[in-house]
PDB file of N, CA and C in Angstrom:
ATOM      1  N   UNK A   1      -4.509 -18.630  10.017  1.00  0.00           N
ATOM      2  CA  UNK A   1      -3.468 -18.038   9.191  1.00  0.00           C
ATOM      3  C   UNK A   1      -4.036 -16.780   8.521  1.00  0.00           C
ATOM      4  N   UNK A   2      -3.221 -15.749   8.498  1.00  0.00           N
ATOM      5  CA  UNK A   2      -3.631 -14.481   7.892  1.00  0.00           C
ATOM      6  C   UNK A   2      -2.922 -14.329   6.554  1.00  0.00           C
ATOM      7  N   UNK A   3      -3.665 -13.880   5.572  1.00  0.00           N
ATOM      8  CA  UNK A   3      -3.081 -13.646   4.248  1.00  0.00           C
ATOM      9  C   UNK A   3      -3.426 -12.242   3.759  1.00  0.00           C
ATOM     10  N   UNK A   4      -2.463 -11.620   3.093  1.00  0.00           N
ATOM     11  CA  UNK A   4      -2.664 -10.335   2.457  1.00  0.00           C
ATOM     12  C   UNK A   4      -2.399 -10.514   0.971  1.00  0.00           C
ATOM     13  N   UNK A   5      -3.344 -10.086   0.152  1.00  0.00           N
ATOM     14  CA  UNK A   5      -3.208 -10.233  -1.292  1.00  0.00           C
ATOM     15  C   UNK A   5      -3.384  -8.869  -1.950  1.00  0.00           C
ATOM     16  N   UNK A   6      -2.315  -8.430  -2.625  1.00  0.00           N
ATOM     17  CA  UNK A   6      -2.338  -7.137  -3.318  1.00  0.00           C
ATOM     18  C   UNK A   6      -2.738  -7.328  -4.777  1.00  0.00           C
ATOM     19  N   UNK A   7      -3.264  -6.264  -5.339  1.00  0.00           N
ATOM     20  CA  UNK A   7      -3.574  -6.236  -6.766  1.00  0.00           C
ATOM     21  C   UNK A   7      -3.545  -4.798  -7.248  1.00  0.00           C
ATOM     22  N   UNK A   8      -3.471  -4.642  -8.570  1.00  0.00           N
ATOM     23  CA  UNK A   8      -3.580  -3.311  -9.147  1.00  0.00           C
ATOM     24  C   UNK A   8      -2.303  -2.727  -9.707  1.00  0.00           C
ATOM     25  N   UNK A   9      -1.187  -3.409  -9.537  1.00  0.00           N
ATOM     26  CA  UNK A   9       0.056  -2.881 -10.086  1.00  0.00           C
ATOM     27  C   UNK A   9       0.089  -3.000 -11.597  1.00  0.00           C
ATOM     28  N   UNK A  10       1.139  -2.440 -12.190  1.00  0.00           N
ATOM     29  CA  UNK A  10       1.271  -2.519 -13.637  1.00  0.00           C
ATOM     30  C   UNK A  10       2.196  -1.459 -14.179  1.00  0.00           C
ATOM     31  N   UNK A  11       2.138  -1.306 -15.497  1.00  0.00           N
ATOM     32  CA  UNK A  11       2.950  -0.318 -16.206  1.00  0.00           C
ATOM     33  C   UNK A  11       2.087   0.890 -16.543  1.00  0.00           C
ATOM     34  N   UNK A  12       2.596   2.077 -16.242  1.00  0.00           N
ATOM     35  CA  UNK A  12       1.857   3.302 -16.504  1.00  0.00           C
ATOM     36  C   UNK A  12       2.835   4.381 -16.956  1.00  0.00           C
ATOM     37  N   UNK A  13       2.359   5.284 -17.772  1.00  0.00           N
ATOM     38  CA  UNK A  13       3.204   6.391 -18.228  1.00  0.00           C
ATOM     39  C   UNK A  13       3.311   7.456 -17.153  1.00  0.00           C
ATOM     40  N   UNK A  14       4.389   8.227 -17.182  1.00  0.00           N
ATOM     41  CA  UNK A  14       4.511   9.351 -16.234  1.00  0.00           C
ATOM     42  C   UNK A  14       3.289  10.256 -16.310  1.00  0.00           C
ATOM     43  N   UNK A  15       2.811  10.658 -15.131  1.00  0.00           N
ATOM     44  CA  UNK A  15       1.602  11.469 -15.048  1.00  0.00           C
ATOM     45  C   UNK A  15       0.336  10.667 -14.929  1.00  0.00           C
ATOM     46  N   UNK A  16       0.437   9.367 -15.097  1.00  0.00           N
ATOM     47  CA  UNK A  16      -0.730   8.506 -15.031  1.00  0.00           C
ATOM     48  C   UNK A  16      -1.111   8.130 -13.613  1.00  0.00           C
ATOM     49  N   UNK A  17      -2.123   7.262 -13.506  1.00  0.00           N
ATOM     50  CA  UNK A  17      -2.655   6.852 -12.207  1.00  0.00           C
ATOM     51  C   UNK A  17      -2.794   5.339 -12.130  1.00  0.00           C
ATOM     52  N   UNK A  18      -2.690   4.841 -10.923  1.00  0.00           N
ATOM     53  CA  UNK A  18      -2.975   3.443 -10.615  1.00  0.00           C
ATOM     54  C   UNK A  18      -3.631   3.386  -9.244  1.00  0.00           C
ATOM     55  N   UNK A  19      -4.424   2.328  -9.038  1.00  0.00           N
ATOM     56  CA  UNK A  19      -5.017   2.102  -7.725  1.00  0.00           C
ATOM     57  C   UNK A  19      -4.659   0.703  -7.264  1.00  0.00           C
ATOM     58  N   UNK A  20      -3.966   0.640  -6.122  1.00  0.00           N
ATOM     59  CA  UNK A  20      -3.611  -0.635  -5.519  1.00  0.00           C
ATOM     60  C   UNK A  20      -4.659  -1.025  -4.482  1.00  0.00           C
ATOM     61  N   UNK A  21      -4.882  -2.320  -4.384  1.00  0.00           N
ATOM     62  CA  UNK A  21      -5.792  -2.857  -3.369  1.00  0.00           C
ATOM     63  C   UNK A  21      -5.099  -3.974  -2.613  1.00  0.00           C
ATOM     64  N   UNK A  22      -5.486  -4.154  -1.363  1.00  0.00           N
ATOM     65  CA  UNK A  22      -4.938  -5.240  -0.543  1.00  0.00           C
ATOM     66  C   UNK A  22      -6.045  -5.767   0.352  1.00  0.00           C
ATOM     67  N   UNK A  23      -6.342  -7.045   0.192  1.00  0.00           N
ATOM     68  CA  UNK A  23      -7.394  -7.681   0.990  1.00  0.00           C
ATOM     69  C   UNK A  23      -6.745  -8.574   2.037  1.00  0.00           C
ATOM     70  N   UNK A  24      -7.197  -8.422   3.271  1.00  0.00           N
ATOM     71  CA  UNK A  24      -6.701  -9.237   4.380  1.00  0.00           C
ATOM     72  C   UNK A  24      -7.741 -10.313   4.680  1.00  0.00           C
ATOM     73  N   UNK A  25      -7.295 -11.557   4.731  1.00  0.00           N
ATOM     74  CA  UNK A  25      -8.206 -12.648   5.032  1.00  0.00           C
ATOM     75  C   UNK A  25      -7.599 -13.549   6.086  1.00  0.00           C
ATOM     76  N   UNK A  26      -8.456 -14.365   6.703  1.00  0.00           N
ATOM     77  CA  UNK A  26      -7.973 -15.305   7.711  1.00  0.00           C
ATOM     78  C   UNK A  26      -8.671 -15.116   9.038  1.00  0.00           C
ATOM     79  N   UNK A  27      -8.054 -15.642  10.066  1.00  0.00           N
ATOM     80  CA  UNK A  27      -8.631 -15.612  11.408  1.00  0.00           C
ATOM     81  C   UNK A  27      -7.929 -14.560  12.259  1.00  0.00           C
ATOM     82  N   UNK A  28      -8.657 -13.531  12.668  1.00  0.00           N
ATOM     83  CA  UNK A  28      -8.089 -12.499  13.518  1.00  0.00           C
ATOM     84  C   UNK A  28      -9.214 -11.718  14.170  1.00  0.00           C
ATOM     85  N   UNK A  29      -8.846 -10.948  15.205  1.00  0.00           N
ATOM     86  CA  UNK A  29      -9.828 -10.152  15.932  1.00  0.00           C
ATOM     87  C   UNK A  29      -9.905  -8.742  15.377  1.00  0.00           C
ATOM     88  N   UNK A  30      -8.719  -8.176  15.103  1.00  0.00           N
ATOM     89  CA  UNK A  30      -8.728  -6.787  14.671  1.00  0.00           C
ATOM     90  C   UNK A  30      -7.536  -6.488  13.772  1.00  0.00           C
ATOM     91  N   UNK A  31      -7.702  -5.450  12.961  1.00  0.00           N
ATOM     92  CA  UNK A  31      -6.608  -4.893  12.182  1.00  0.00           C
ATOM     93  C   UNK A  31      -6.463  -3.446  12.621  1.00  0.00           C
ATOM     94  N   UNK A  32      -5.335  -3.095  13.190  1.00  0.00           N
ATOM     95  CA  UNK A  32      -5.171  -1.710  13.627  1.00  0.00           C
ATOM     96  C   UNK A  32      -4.620  -0.890  12.461  1.00  0.00           C
ATOM     97  N   UNK A  33      -3.339  -0.772  12.330  1.00  0.00           N
ATOM     98  CA  UNK A  33      -2.751   0.024  11.257  1.00  0.00           C
ATOM     99  C   UNK A  33      -2.599  -0.813   9.993  1.00  0.00           C
ATOM    100  N   UNK A  34      -2.950  -0.200   8.865  1.00  0.00           N
ATOM    101  CA  UNK A  34      -2.687  -0.796   7.558  1.00  0.00           C
ATOM    102  C   UNK A  34      -1.787   0.176   6.795  1.00  0.00           C
ATOM    103  N   UNK A  35      -0.887  -0.372   6.013  1.00  0.00           N
ATOM    104  CA  UNK A  35       0.112   0.496   5.392  1.00  0.00           C
ATOM    105  C   UNK A  35       0.553  -0.037   4.032  1.00  0.00           C
ATOM    106  N   UNK A  36       1.118   0.855   3.265  1.00  0.00           N
ATOM    107  CA  UNK A  36       1.796   0.504   2.020  1.00  0.00           C
ATOM    108  C   UNK A  36       3.270   0.900   2.144  1.00  0.00           C
ATOM    109  N   UNK A  37       4.128  -0.028   1.779  1.00  0.00           N
ATOM    110  CA  UNK A  37       5.557   0.210   1.688  1.00  0.00           C
ATOM    111  C   UNK A  37       5.968  -0.029   0.232  1.00  0.00           C
ATOM    112  N   UNK A  38       7.170   0.411  -0.089  1.00  0.00           N
ATOM    113  CA  UNK A  38       7.707   0.112  -1.404  1.00  0.00           C
ATOM    114  C   UNK A  38       9.216  -0.088  -1.322  1.00  0.00           C
ATOM    115  N   UNK A  39       9.722  -0.861  -2.283  1.00  0.00           N
ATOM    116  CA  UNK A  39      11.157  -1.075  -2.408  1.00  0.00           C
ATOM    117  C   UNK A  39      11.543  -0.890  -3.863  1.00  0.00           C
ATOM    118  N   UNK A  40      12.311   0.150  -4.111  1.00  0.00           N
ATOM    119  CA  UNK A  40      12.803   0.421  -5.454  1.00  0.00           C
ATOM    120  C   UNK A  40      14.111  -0.334  -5.669  1.00  0.00           C
ATOM    121  N   UNK A  41      14.471  -0.599  -6.899  1.00  0.00           N
ATOM    122  CA  UNK A  41      15.718  -1.320  -7.173  1.00  0.00           C
ATOM    123  C   UNK A  41      16.919  -0.624  -6.538  1.00  0.00           C
ATOM    124  N   UNK A  42      17.686  -1.385  -5.787  1.00  0.00           N
ATOM    125  CA  UNK A  42      18.886  -0.852  -5.168  1.00  0.00           C
ATOM    126  C   UNK A  42      18.654   0.020  -3.951  1.00  0.00           C
ATOM    127  N   UNK A  43      17.414   0.090  -3.489  1.00  0.00           N
ATOM    128  CA  UNK A  43      17.101   0.931  -2.336  1.00  0.00           C
ATOM    129  C   UNK A  43      16.449   0.114  -1.233  1.00  0.00           C
ATOM    130  N   UNK A  44      16.423   0.685  -0.050  1.00  0.00           N
ATOM    131  CA  UNK A  44      15.769   0.031   1.074  1.00  0.00           C
ATOM    132  C   UNK A  44      14.258   0.235   0.996  1.00  0.00           C
ATOM    133  N   UNK A  45      13.569  -0.666   1.658  1.00  0.00           N
ATOM    134  CA  UNK A  45      12.120  -0.528   1.741  1.00  0.00           C
ATOM    135  C   UNK A  45      11.776   0.744   2.503  1.00  0.00           C
ATOM    136  N   UNK A  46      10.748   1.457   2.042  1.00  0.00           N
ATOM    137  CA  UNK A  46      10.330   2.680   2.707  1.00  0.00           C
ATOM    138  C   UNK A  46       8.813   2.708   2.867  1.00  0.00           C
ATOM    139  N   UNK A  47       8.379   3.391   3.918  1.00  0.00           N
ATOM    140  CA  UNK A  47       6.955   3.569   4.141  1.00  0.00           C
ATOM    141  C   UNK A  47       6.418   4.589   3.147  1.00  0.00           C
ATOM    142  N   UNK A  48       5.337   4.248   2.489  1.00  0.00           N
ATOM    143  CA  UNK A  48       4.673   5.162   1.568  1.00  0.00           C
ATOM    144  C   UNK A  48       3.543   5.893   2.294  1.00  0.00           C
ATOM    145  N   UNK A  49       2.676   5.126   2.954  1.00  0.00           N
ATOM    146  CA  UNK A  49       1.545   5.714   3.664  1.00  0.00           C
ATOM    147  C   UNK A  49       0.975   4.679   4.618  1.00  0.00           C
ATOM    148  N   UNK A  50       0.363   5.169   5.704  1.00  0.00           N
ATOM    149  CA  UNK A  50      -0.354   4.263   6.583  1.00  0.00           C
ATOM    150  C   UNK A  50      -1.643   4.907   7.066  1.00  0.00           C
ATOM    151  N   UNK A  51      -2.522   4.054   7.590  1.00  0.00           N
ATOM    152  CA  UNK A  51      -3.837   4.533   8.016  1.00  0.00           C
ATOM    153  C   UNK A  51      -4.285   3.702   9.214  1.00  0.00           C
ATOM    154  N   UNK A  52      -4.797   4.373  10.232  1.00  0.00           N
ATOM    155  CA  UNK A  52      -5.289   3.680  11.412  1.00  0.00           C
ATOM    156  C   UNK A  52      -6.729   3.202  11.184  1.00  0.00           C
ATOM    157  N   UNK A  53      -7.217   2.412  12.109  1.00  0.00           N
ATOM    158  CA  UNK A  53      -8.592   1.936  12.001  1.00  0.00           C
ATOM    159  C   UNK A  53      -9.583   3.086  12.076  1.00  0.00           C
ATOM    160  N   UNK A  54      -9.174   4.168  12.713  1.00  0.00           N
ATOM    161  CA  UNK A  54     -10.033   5.340  12.815  1.00  0.00           C
ATOM    162  C   UNK A  54      -9.919   6.301  11.648  1.00  0.00           C
ATOM    163  N   UNK A  55      -9.011   6.009  10.730  1.00  0.00           N
ATOM    164  CA  UNK A  55      -8.903   6.821   9.529  1.00  0.00           C
ATOM    165  C   UNK A  55      -7.797   7.856   9.518  1.00  0.00           C
ATOM    166  N   UNK A  56      -6.983   7.897  10.575  1.00  0.00           N
ATOM    167  CA  UNK A  56      -5.854   8.833  10.570  1.00  0.00           C
ATOM    168  C   UNK A  56      -4.815   8.335   9.567  1.00  0.00           C
ATOM    169  N   UNK A  57      -4.280   9.272   8.785  1.00  0.00           N
ATOM    170  CA  UNK A  57      -3.344   8.897   7.739  1.00  0.00           C
ATOM    171  C   UNK A  57      -1.996   9.581   7.905  1.00  0.00           C
ATOM    172  N   UNK A  58      -0.994   8.966   7.297  1.00  0.00           N
ATOM    173  CA  UNK A  58       0.364   9.493   7.346  1.00  0.00           C
ATOM    174  C   UNK A  58       1.003   9.162   6.000  1.00  0.00           C
ATOM    175  N   UNK A  59       1.756  10.129   5.433  1.00  0.00           N
ATOM    176  CA  UNK A  59       2.354   9.939   4.116  1.00  0.00           C
ATOM    177  C   UNK A  59       3.837  10.289   4.119  1.00  0.00           C
ATOM    178  N   UNK A  60       4.576   9.599   3.285  1.00  0.00           N
ATOM    179  CA  UNK A  60       5.944  10.006   3.015  1.00  0.00           C
ATOM    180  C   UNK A  60       5.911  11.344   2.277  1.00  0.00           C
ATOM    181  N   UNK A  61       6.896  12.177   2.544  1.00  0.00           N
ATOM    182  CA  UNK A  61       6.923  13.497   1.904  1.00  0.00           C
ATOM    183  C   UNK A  61       6.914  13.384   0.375  1.00  0.00           C
ATOM    184  N   UNK A  62       7.539  12.352  -0.134  1.00  0.00           N
ATOM    185  CA  UNK A  62       7.678  12.209  -1.588  1.00  0.00           C
ATOM    186  C   UNK A  62       6.356  11.939  -2.305  1.00  0.00           C
ATOM    187  N   UNK A  63       5.330  11.523  -1.559  1.00  0.00           N
ATOM    188  CA  UNK A  63       4.053  11.188  -2.203  1.00  0.00           C
ATOM    189  C   UNK A  63       2.901  12.087  -1.763  1.00  0.00           C
ATOM    190  N   UNK A  64       3.159  12.986  -0.823  1.00  0.00           N
ATOM    191  CA  UNK A  64       2.092  13.865  -0.333  1.00  0.00           C
ATOM    192  C   UNK A  64       1.498  14.673  -1.479  1.00  0.00           C
ATOM    193  N   UNK A  65       0.174  14.723  -1.510  1.00  0.00           N
ATOM    194  CA  UNK A  65      -0.519  15.461  -2.559  1.00  0.00           C
ATOM    195  C   UNK A  65      -0.740  14.662  -3.825  1.00  0.00           C
ATOM    196  N   UNK A  66      -0.112  13.501  -3.933  1.00  0.00           N
ATOM    197  CA  UNK A  66      -0.269  12.671  -5.137  1.00  0.00           C
ATOM    198  C   UNK A  66      -0.937  11.334  -4.823  1.00  0.00           C
ATOM    199  N   UNK A  67      -0.631  10.772  -3.657  1.00  0.00           N
ATOM    200  CA  UNK A  67      -1.162   9.471  -3.273  1.00  0.00           C
ATOM    201  C   UNK A  67      -2.201   9.644  -2.172  1.00  0.00           C
ATOM    202  N   UNK A  68      -3.186   8.759  -2.172  1.00  0.00           N
ATOM    203  CA  UNK A  68      -4.197   8.750  -1.126  1.00  0.00           C
ATOM    204  C   UNK A  68      -4.425   7.329  -0.640  1.00  0.00           C
ATOM    205  N   UNK A  69      -4.266   7.127   0.669  1.00  0.00           N
ATOM    206  CA  UNK A  69      -4.535   5.819   1.267  1.00  0.00           C
ATOM    207  C   UNK A  69      -5.928   5.847   1.882  1.00  0.00           C
ATOM    208  N   UNK A  70      -6.639   4.743   1.746  1.00  0.00           N
ATOM    209  CA  UNK A  70      -7.961   4.617   2.347  1.00  0.00           C
ATOM    210  C   UNK A  70      -8.189   3.155   2.715  1.00  0.00           C
ATOM    211  N   UNK A  71      -9.206   2.920   3.503  1.00  0.00           N
ATOM    212  CA  UNK A  71      -9.503   1.549   3.891  1.00  0.00           C
ATOM    213  C   UNK A  71     -10.993   1.361   4.047  1.00  0.00           C
ATOM    214  N   UNK A  72     -11.420   0.117   3.843  1.00  0.00           N
ATOM    215  CA  UNK A  72     -12.797  -0.286   4.072  1.00  0.00           C
ATOM    216  C   UNK A  72     -12.754  -1.343   5.159  1.00  0.00           C
ATOM    217  N   UNK A  73     -13.069  -0.954   6.381  1.00  0.00           N
ATOM    218  CA  UNK A  73     -12.947  -1.872   7.506  1.00  0.00           C
ATOM    219  C   UNK A  73     -13.889  -3.073   7.377  1.00  0.00           C
ATOM    220  N   UNK A  74     -15.039  -2.868   6.776  1.00  0.00           N
ATOM    221  CA  UNK A  74     -15.998  -3.965   6.612  1.00  0.00           C
ATOM    222  C   UNK A  74     -15.466  -5.036   5.664  1.00  0.00           C
ATOM    223  N   UNK A  75     -14.617  -4.609   4.726  1.00  0.00           N
ATOM    224  CA  UNK A  75     -14.059  -5.542   3.745  1.00  0.00           C
ATOM    225  C   UNK A  75     -12.618  -5.921   4.047  1.00  0.00           C
ATOM    226  N   UNK A  76     -12.079  -5.417   5.164  1.00  0.00           N
ATOM    227  CA  UNK A  76     -10.680  -5.695   5.522  1.00  0.00           C
ATOM    228  C   UNK A  76      -9.735  -5.387   4.350  1.00  0.00           C
ATOM    229  N   UNK A  77      -9.968  -4.248   3.742  1.00  0.00           N
ATOM    230  CA  UNK A  77      -9.234  -3.880   2.534  1.00  0.00           C
ATOM    231  C   UNK A  77      -8.638  -2.487   2.682  1.00  0.00           C
ATOM    232  N   UNK A  78      -7.433  -2.340   2.179  1.00  0.00           N
ATOM    233  CA  UNK A  78      -6.775  -1.045   2.127  1.00  0.00           C
ATOM    234  C   UNK A  78      -6.443  -0.732   0.676  1.00  0.00           C
ATOM    235  N   UNK A  79      -6.538   0.541   0.337  1.00  0.00           N
ATOM    236  CA  UNK A  79      -6.305   0.993  -1.038  1.00  0.00           C
ATOM    237  C   UNK A  79      -5.205   2.046  -1.058  1.00  0.00           C
ATOM    238  N   UNK A  80      -4.582   2.175  -2.208  1.00  0.00           N
ATOM    239  CA  UNK A  80      -3.637   3.266  -2.433  1.00  0.00           C
ATOM    240  C   UNK A  80      -3.913   3.831  -3.820  1.00  0.00           C
ATOM    241  N   UNK A  81      -4.487   5.008  -3.856  1.00  0.00           N
ATOM    242  CA  UNK A  81      -4.715   5.706  -5.108  1.00  0.00           C
ATOM    243  C   UNK A  81      -3.482   6.532  -5.420  1.00  0.00           C
ATOM    244  N   UNK A  82      -2.862   6.261  -6.558  1.00  0.00           N
ATOM    245  CA  UNK A  82      -1.625   6.928  -6.930  1.00  0.00           C
ATOM    246  C   UNK A  82      -1.858   7.747  -8.192  1.00  0.00           C
ATOM    247  N   UNK A  83      -1.725   9.046  -8.058  1.00  0.00           N
ATOM    248  CA  UNK A  83      -1.903   9.961  -9.183  1.00  0.00           C
ATOM    249  C   UNK A  83      -0.596  10.675  -9.493  1.00  0.00           C
ATOM    250  N   UNK A  84      -0.533  11.270 -10.657  1.00  0.00           N
ATOM    251  CA  UNK A  84       0.655  12.027 -11.079  1.00  0.00           C
ATOM    252  C   UNK A  84       1.918  11.209 -10.862  1.00  0.00           C
ATOM    253  N   UNK A  85       1.887   9.982 -11.295  1.00  0.00           N
ATOM    254  CA  UNK A  85       3.008   9.078 -11.065  1.00  0.00           C
ATOM    255  C   UNK A  85       4.264   9.545 -11.788  1.00  0.00           C
ATOM    256  N   UNK A  86       5.392   9.296 -11.127  1.00  0.00           N
ATOM    257  CA  UNK A  86       6.701   9.678 -11.642  1.00  0.00           C
ATOM    258  C   UNK A  86       7.563   8.431 -11.808  1.00  0.00           C
ATOM    259  N   UNK A  87       8.574   8.500 -12.663  1.00  0.00           N
ATOM    260  CA  UNK A  87       9.469   7.339 -12.813  1.00  0.00           C
ATOM    261  C   UNK A  87      10.076   6.884 -11.478  1.00  0.00           C
ATOM    262  N   UNK A  88      10.325   7.818 -10.582  1.00  0.00           N
ATOM    263  CA  UNK A  88      10.909   7.450  -9.288  1.00  0.00           C
ATOM    264  C   UNK A  88       9.929   6.729  -8.364  1.00  0.00           C
ATOM    265  N   UNK A  89       8.670   6.627  -8.758  1.00  0.00           N
ATOM    266  CA  UNK A  89       7.706   5.818  -8.008  1.00  0.00           C
ATOM    267  C   UNK A  89       7.799   4.334  -8.380  1.00  0.00           C
ATOM    268  N   UNK A  90       8.603   4.025  -9.370  1.00  0.00           N
ATOM    269  CA  UNK A  90       8.772   2.632  -9.776  1.00  0.00           C
ATOM    270  C   UNK A  90       9.348   1.818  -8.628  1.00  0.00           C
ATOM    271  N   UNK A  91       8.648   0.751  -8.272  1.00  0.00           N
ATOM    272  CA  UNK A  91       9.050  -0.073  -7.130  1.00  0.00           C
ATOM    273  C   UNK A  91       8.101  -1.259  -7.019  1.00  0.00           C
ATOM    274  N   UNK A  92       8.468  -2.179  -6.147  1.00  0.00           N
ATOM    275  CA  UNK A  92       7.518  -3.202  -5.710  1.00  0.00           C
ATOM    276  C   UNK A  92       6.813  -2.644  -4.481  1.00  0.00           C
ATOM    277  N   UNK A  93       5.492  -2.653  -4.519  1.00  0.00           N
ATOM    278  CA  UNK A  93       4.693  -2.110  -3.429  1.00  0.00           C
ATOM    279  C   UNK A  93       4.146  -3.254  -2.581  1.00  0.00           C
ATOM    280  N   UNK A  94       4.308  -3.120  -1.268  1.00  0.00           N
ATOM    281  CA  UNK A  94       3.900  -4.155  -0.325  1.00  0.00           C
ATOM    282  C   UNK A  94       2.842  -3.613   0.627  1.00  0.00           C
ATOM    283  N   UNK A  95       1.859  -4.425   0.858  1.00  0.00           N
ATOM    284  CA  UNK A  95       0.831  -4.131   1.847  1.00  0.00           C
ATOM    285  C   UNK A  95       1.258  -4.693   3.199  1.00  0.00           C
ATOM    286  N   UNK A  96       0.946  -3.971   4.244  1.00  0.00           N
ATOM    287  CA  UNK A  96       1.270  -4.397   5.605  1.00  0.00           C
ATOM    288  C   UNK A  96       0.052  -4.189   6.491  1.00  0.00           C
ATOM    289  N   UNK A  97      -0.172  -5.125   7.409  1.00  0.00           N
ATOM    290  CA  UNK A  97      -1.289  -4.985   8.344  1.00  0.00           C
ATOM    291  C   UNK A  97      -0.851  -5.412   9.739  1.00  0.00           C
ATOM    292  N   UNK A  98      -1.214  -4.626  10.718  1.00  0.00           N
ATOM    293  CA  UNK A  98      -0.947  -4.965  12.123  1.00  0.00           C
ATOM    294  C   UNK A  98      -2.176  -5.709  12.640  1.00  0.00           C
ATOM    295  N   UNK A  99      -1.994  -6.995  12.943  1.00  0.00           N
ATOM    296  CA  UNK A  99      -3.097  -7.887  13.298  1.00  0.00           C
ATOM    297  C   UNK A  99      -3.147  -8.077  14.811  1.00  0.00           C
ATOM    298  N   UNK A 100      -4.340  -7.929  15.369  1.00  0.00           N
ATOM    299  CA  UNK A 100      -4.557  -8.119  16.812  1.00  0.00           C
ATOM    300  C   UNK A 100      -3.621  -7.243  17.649  1.00  0.00           C
ATOM    301  N   UNK A 101      -3.235  -6.125  17.078  1.00  0.00           N
ATOM    302  CA  UNK A 101      -2.414  -5.172  17.801  1.00  0.00           C
ATOM    303  C   UNK A 101      -0.970  -5.564  18.009  1.00  0.00           C
ATOM    304  N   UNK A 102      -0.583  -6.714  17.485  1.00  0.00           N
ATOM    305  CA  UNK A 102       0.747  -7.245  17.814  1.00  0.00           C
ATOM    306  C   UNK A 102       1.538  -7.686  16.579  1.00  0.00           C
ATOM    307  N   UNK A 103       0.896  -8.412  15.700  1.00  0.00           N
ATOM    308  CA  UNK A 103       1.634  -9.102  14.638  1.00  0.00           C
ATOM    309  C   UNK A 103       1.541  -8.353  13.305  1.00  0.00           C
ATOM    310  N   UNK A 104       2.696  -8.212  12.667  1.00  0.00           N
ATOM    311  CA  UNK A 104       2.758  -7.591  11.343  1.00  0.00           C
ATOM    312  C   UNK A 104       2.753  -8.664  10.267  1.00  0.00           C
ATOM    313  N   UNK A 105       1.846  -8.510   9.310  1.00  0.00           N
ATOM    314  CA  UNK A 105       1.781  -9.400   8.165  1.00  0.00           C
ATOM    315  C   UNK A 105       2.014  -8.592   6.895  1.00  0.00           C
ATOM    316  N   UNK A 106       2.569  -9.306   5.900  1.00  0.00           N
ATOM    317  CA  UNK A 106       2.937  -8.662   4.642  1.00  0.00           C
ATOM    318  C   UNK A 106       2.319  -9.392   3.458  1.00  0.00           C
ATOM    319  N   UNK A 107       2.010  -8.619   2.428  1.00  0.00           N
ATOM    320  CA  UNK A 107       1.613  -9.207   1.168  1.00  0.00           C
ATOM    321  C   UNK A 107       2.834  -9.621   0.358  1.00  0.00           C
ATOM    322  N   UNK A 108       2.570 -10.205  -0.804  1.00  0.00           N
ATOM    323  CA  UNK A 108       3.644 -10.712  -1.645  1.00  0.00           C
ATOM    324  C   UNK A 108       4.275  -9.628  -2.509  1.00  0.00           C
ATOM    325  N   UNK A 109       3.630  -8.496  -2.603  1.00  0.00           N
ATOM    326  CA  UNK A 109       4.156  -7.388  -3.387  1.00  0.00           C
ATOM    327  C   UNK A 109       3.550  -7.318  -4.777  1.00  0.00           C
ATOM    328  N   UNK A 110       3.424  -6.100  -5.277  1.00  0.00           N
ATOM    329  CA  UNK A 110       2.937  -5.893  -6.637  1.00  0.00           C
ATOM    330  C   UNK A 110       3.820  -4.841  -7.310  1.00  0.00           C
ATOM    331  N   UNK A 111       4.220  -5.130  -8.542  1.00  0.00           N
ATOM    332  CA  UNK A 111       5.163  -4.263  -9.245  1.00  0.00           C
ATOM    333  C   UNK A 111       4.433  -3.063  -9.842  1.00  0.00           C
ATOM    334  N   UNK A 112       4.976  -1.885  -9.613  1.00  0.00           N
ATOM    335  CA  UNK A 112       4.516  -0.660 -10.266  1.00  0.00           C
ATOM    336  C   UNK A 112       5.684  -0.095 -11.058  1.00  0.00           C
ATOM    337  N   UNK A 113       5.479   0.077 -12.349  1.00  0.00           N
ATOM    338  CA  UNK A 113       6.516   0.617 -13.223  1.00  0.00           C
ATOM    339  C   UNK A 113       5.969   1.856 -13.915  1.00  0.00           C
ATOM    340  N   UNK A 114       6.692   2.956 -13.749  1.00  0.00           N
ATOM    341  CA  UNK A 114       6.299   4.223 -14.373  1.00  0.00           C
ATOM    342  C   UNK A 114       7.342   4.552 -15.435  1.00  0.00           C
ATOM    343  N   UNK A 115       6.929   4.453 -16.675  1.00  0.00           N
ATOM    344  CA  UNK A 115       7.874   4.633 -17.780  1.00  0.00           C
ATOM    345  C   UNK A 115       7.125   4.992 -19.050  1.00  0.00           C
ATOM    346  N   UNK A 116       7.783   5.785 -19.876  1.00  0.00           N
ATOM    347  CA  UNK A 116       7.212   6.114 -21.174  1.00  0.00           C
ATOM    348  C   UNK A 116       7.719   5.163 -22.250  1.00  0.00           C
TER     349      UNK A 116
END
């Protein structure tokens, strides 16, 4: 069984920073793409950023220049550094991992609230 556990969410003022982490554990051969998604109240889930095992990254236009995704393959961990946070970044953030090239697994989500 594969598990993804996120941490690092919370309440932050506009302009502030947070760092999300997601650790993948369990029995598997490989993790190809790792990603962060988010779902804001009343909106559909959207891709925030993803990163391949080789380090190629992709970002939503709304977060380019503010967010940075990274991963530590030895620790099966993906990070999301979020800077210059805005109220519109408020959402539940979900970690996603493509396991063994086939199966998508999701974390339970972590709340990020940007408010003064």
